[in-house]
Amino acid sequence: MDGMSDLTAARFNLVCSAIADGKVKEQNFDHGLCIGIILGVEDNAHYDKIICVPQSIDIQERAQVVKNYIASQPNRMNEAFASLVFDALVQQWPCSA
């Protein structure tokens, strides 16, 4: 890669799946990055009134939605993880017009 980190869905699907499955006892940098990407995408899209996740939804549930969406998109594993996160969250929790 040209100096950028590997931020593909293929890499983060494994890390975020552990969060979604509740198997993370000790968080490492990649887990924090996964959570940061999910929350960053959500925050940015919420500001633009695109994604509206209910306040009662925790990070594990968010990660589960992302995990399930990525599982349904095997041909997109080389795309940016954030792109699939956006698509997963907007499909699950679109803002009402």
C-alpha atoms as a PDB file:
ATOM      1  CA  MET A   1       0.000   0.000   0.000  1.00  0.00           C
ATOM      2  CA  ASP A   2       1.157   3.541  -0.617  1.00  0.00           C
ATOM      3  CA  GLY A   3       1.831   4.487   3.006  1.00  0.00           C
ATOM      4  CA  MET A   4      -1.783   4.125   4.102  1.00  0.00           C
ATOM      5  CA  SER A   5      -2.939   1.523   6.580  1.00  0.00           C
ATOM      6  CA  ASP A   6      -4.898  -1.457   5.348  1.00  0.00           C
ATOM      7  CA  LEU A   7      -8.422  -0.234   6.021  1.00  0.00           C
ATOM      8  CA  THR A   8     -10.203  -2.837   3.911  1.00  0.00           C
ATOM      9  CA  ALA A   9     -13.301  -4.745   4.916  1.00  0.00           C
ATOM     10  CA  ALA A  10     -11.292  -7.967   4.660  1.00  0.00           C
ATOM     11  CA  ARG A  11      -9.033  -6.857   7.533  1.00  0.00           C
ATOM     12  CA  PHE A  12     -11.608  -5.255   9.802  1.00  0.00           C
ATOM     13  CA  ASN A  13     -14.315  -7.858   9.307  1.00  0.00           C
ATOM     14  CA  LEU A  14     -12.323 -10.277  11.480  1.00  0.00           C
ATOM     15  CA  VAL A  15     -11.580  -7.705  14.171  1.00  0.00           C
ATOM     16  CA  CYS A  16     -15.112  -6.322  14.312  1.00  0.00           C
ATOM     17  CA  SER A  17     -16.665  -9.783  14.255  1.00  0.00           C
ATOM     18  CA  ALA A  18     -14.978 -10.507  17.574  1.00  0.00           C
ATOM     19  CA  ILE A  19     -16.631  -7.381  19.000  1.00  0.00           C
ATOM     20  CA  ALA A  20     -20.003  -8.314  17.513  1.00  0.00           C
ATOM     21  CA  ASP A  21     -19.759 -11.816  18.947  1.00  0.00           C
ATOM     22  CA  GLY A  22     -18.849 -10.528  22.415  1.00  0.00           C
ATOM     23  CA  LYS A  23     -15.512 -12.366  22.316  1.00  0.00           C
ATOM     24  CA  VAL A  24     -13.292  -9.381  23.083  1.00  0.00           C
ATOM     25  CA  LYS A  25     -12.003  -9.496  26.625  1.00  0.00           C
ATOM     26  CA  GLU A  26      -9.142  -7.072  26.135  1.00  0.00           C
ATOM     27  CA  GLN A  27      -9.314  -4.397  23.478  1.00  0.00           C
ATOM     28  CA  ASN A  28      -6.302  -3.749  21.286  1.00  0.00           C
ATOM     29  CA  PHE A  29      -5.575  -1.006  18.788  1.00  0.00           C
ATOM     30  CA  ASP A  30      -7.472  -2.716  15.952  1.00  0.00           C
ATOM     31  CA  HIS A  31     -10.572  -3.133  18.110  1.00  0.00           C
ATOM     32  CA  GLY A  32     -10.435   0.544  19.002  1.00  0.00           C
ATOM     33  CA  LEU A  33      -9.962   1.439  15.354  1.00  0.00           C
ATOM     34  CA  CYS A  34     -12.969  -0.699  14.386  1.00  0.00           C
ATOM     35  CA  ILE A  35     -15.145   1.015  16.970  1.00  0.00           C
ATOM     36  CA  GLY A  36     -13.764   4.409  15.969  1.00  0.00           C
ATOM     37  CA  ILE A  37     -14.570   3.853  12.299  1.00  0.00           C
ATOM     38  CA  ILE A  38     -18.114   2.686  13.078  1.00  0.00           C
ATOM     39  CA  LEU A  39     -18.797   5.611  15.405  1.00  0.00           C
ATOM     40  CA  GLY A  40     -17.078   8.096  13.101  1.00  0.00           C
ATOM     41  CA  VAL A  41     -19.139   7.035  10.099  1.00  0.00           C
ATOM     42  CA  GLU A  42     -22.272   7.111  12.221  1.00  0.00           C
ATOM     43  CA  ASP A  43     -21.526  10.527  13.687  1.00  0.00           C
ATOM     44  CA  ASN A  44     -20.779  12.084  10.318  1.00  0.00           C
ATOM     45  CA  ALA A  45     -23.894  10.608   8.690  1.00  0.00           C
ATOM     46  CA  HIS A  46     -26.058  11.523  11.698  1.00  0.00           C
ATOM     47  CA  TYR A  47     -24.957  15.129  11.362  1.00  0.00           C
ATOM     48  CA  ASP A  48     -26.199  15.032   7.760  1.00  0.00           C
ATOM     49  CA  LYS A  49     -29.458  13.317   8.888  1.00  0.00           C
ATOM     50  CA  ILE A  50     -28.673  10.107   6.966  1.00  0.00           C
ATOM     51  CA  ILE A  51     -28.115   7.570   9.777  1.00  0.00           C
ATOM     52  CA  CYS A  52     -30.109   7.685  13.039  1.00  0.00           C
ATOM     53  CA  VAL A  53     -29.079   4.902  15.424  1.00  0.00           C
ATOM     54  CA  PRO A  54     -31.309   4.771  18.522  1.00  0.00           C
ATOM     55  CA  GLN A  55     -29.492   5.713  21.737  1.00  0.00           C
ATOM     56  CA  SER A  56     -30.265   2.298  23.239  1.00  0.00           C
ATOM     57  CA  ILE A  57     -28.058   0.491  20.673  1.00  0.00           C
ATOM     58  CA  ASP A  58     -24.619  -0.407  22.055  1.00  0.00           C
ATOM     59  CA  ILE A  59     -21.371  -0.861  20.144  1.00  0.00           C
ATOM     60  CA  GLN A  60     -21.716  -4.651  20.115  1.00  0.00           C
ATOM     61  CA  GLU A  61     -25.077  -4.358  18.329  1.00  0.00           C
ATOM     62  CA  ARG A  62     -23.624  -1.848  15.870  1.00  0.00           C
ATOM     63  CA  ALA A  63     -20.727  -4.210  15.158  1.00  0.00           C
ATOM     64  CA  GLN A  64     -23.189  -7.095  14.658  1.00  0.00           C
ATOM     65  CA  VAL A  65     -25.097  -5.097  12.032  1.00  0.00           C
ATOM     66  CA  VAL A  66     -21.826  -4.333  10.250  1.00  0.00           C
ATOM     67  CA  LYS A  67     -20.683  -7.969  10.494  1.00  0.00           C
ATOM     68  CA  ASN A  68     -23.960  -9.256   9.044  1.00  0.00           C
ATOM     69  CA  TYR A  69     -23.899  -6.729   6.226  1.00  0.00           C
ATOM     70  CA  ILE A  70     -20.300  -7.526   5.280  1.00  0.00           C
ATOM     71  CA  ALA A  71     -21.143 -11.250   5.278  1.00  0.00           C
ATOM     72  CA  SER A  72     -23.738 -10.484   2.595  1.00  0.00           C
ATOM     73  CA  GLN A  73     -21.192  -8.573   0.480  1.00  0.00           C
ATOM     74  CA  PRO A  74     -18.302 -11.007  -0.222  1.00  0.00           C
ATOM     75  CA  ASN A  75     -17.337  -9.270  -3.467  1.00  0.00           C
ATOM     76  CA  ARG A  76     -16.651  -6.004  -1.631  1.00  0.00           C
ATOM     77  CA  MET A  77     -13.916  -7.221   0.740  1.00  0.00           C
ATOM     78  CA  ASN A  78     -11.217  -5.093  -0.909  1.00  0.00           C
ATOM     79  CA  GLU A  79     -13.228  -1.894  -0.515  1.00  0.00           C
ATOM     80  CA  ALA A  80     -12.744   0.536   2.344  1.00  0.00           C
ATOM     81  CA  PHE A  81     -14.241  -0.784   5.570  1.00  0.00           C
ATOM     82  CA  ALA A  82     -15.861   2.610   6.199  1.00  0.00           C
ATOM     83  CA  SER A  83     -17.833   2.326   2.948  1.00  0.00           C
ATOM     84  CA  LEU A  84     -19.403  -0.935   4.045  1.00  0.00           C
ATOM     85  CA  VAL A  85     -20.017   0.438   7.540  1.00  0.00           C
ATOM     86  CA  PHE A  86     -21.905   3.364   6.005  1.00  0.00           C
ATOM     87  CA  ASP A  87     -24.021   1.064   3.827  1.00  0.00           C
ATOM     88  CA  ALA A  88     -24.750  -1.273   6.759  1.00  0.00           C
ATOM     89  CA  LEU A  89     -25.789   1.495   9.128  1.00  0.00           C
ATOM     90  CA  VAL A  90     -27.907   3.419   6.628  1.00  0.00           C
ATOM     91  CA  GLN A  91     -29.701   0.206   5.668  1.00  0.00           C
ATOM     92  CA  GLN A  92     -30.392  -0.674   9.319  1.00  0.00           C
ATOM     93  CA  TRP A  93     -31.072   2.782  10.779  1.00  0.00           C
ATOM     94  CA  PRO A  94     -31.979   5.355   8.125  1.00  0.00           C
ATOM     95  CA  CYS A  95     -33.249   8.695   9.399  1.00  0.00           C
ATOM     96  CA  SER A  96     -36.941   9.350   8.843  1.00  0.00           C
ATOM     97  CA  ALA A  97     -37.574  12.125   6.396  1.00  0.00           C
END
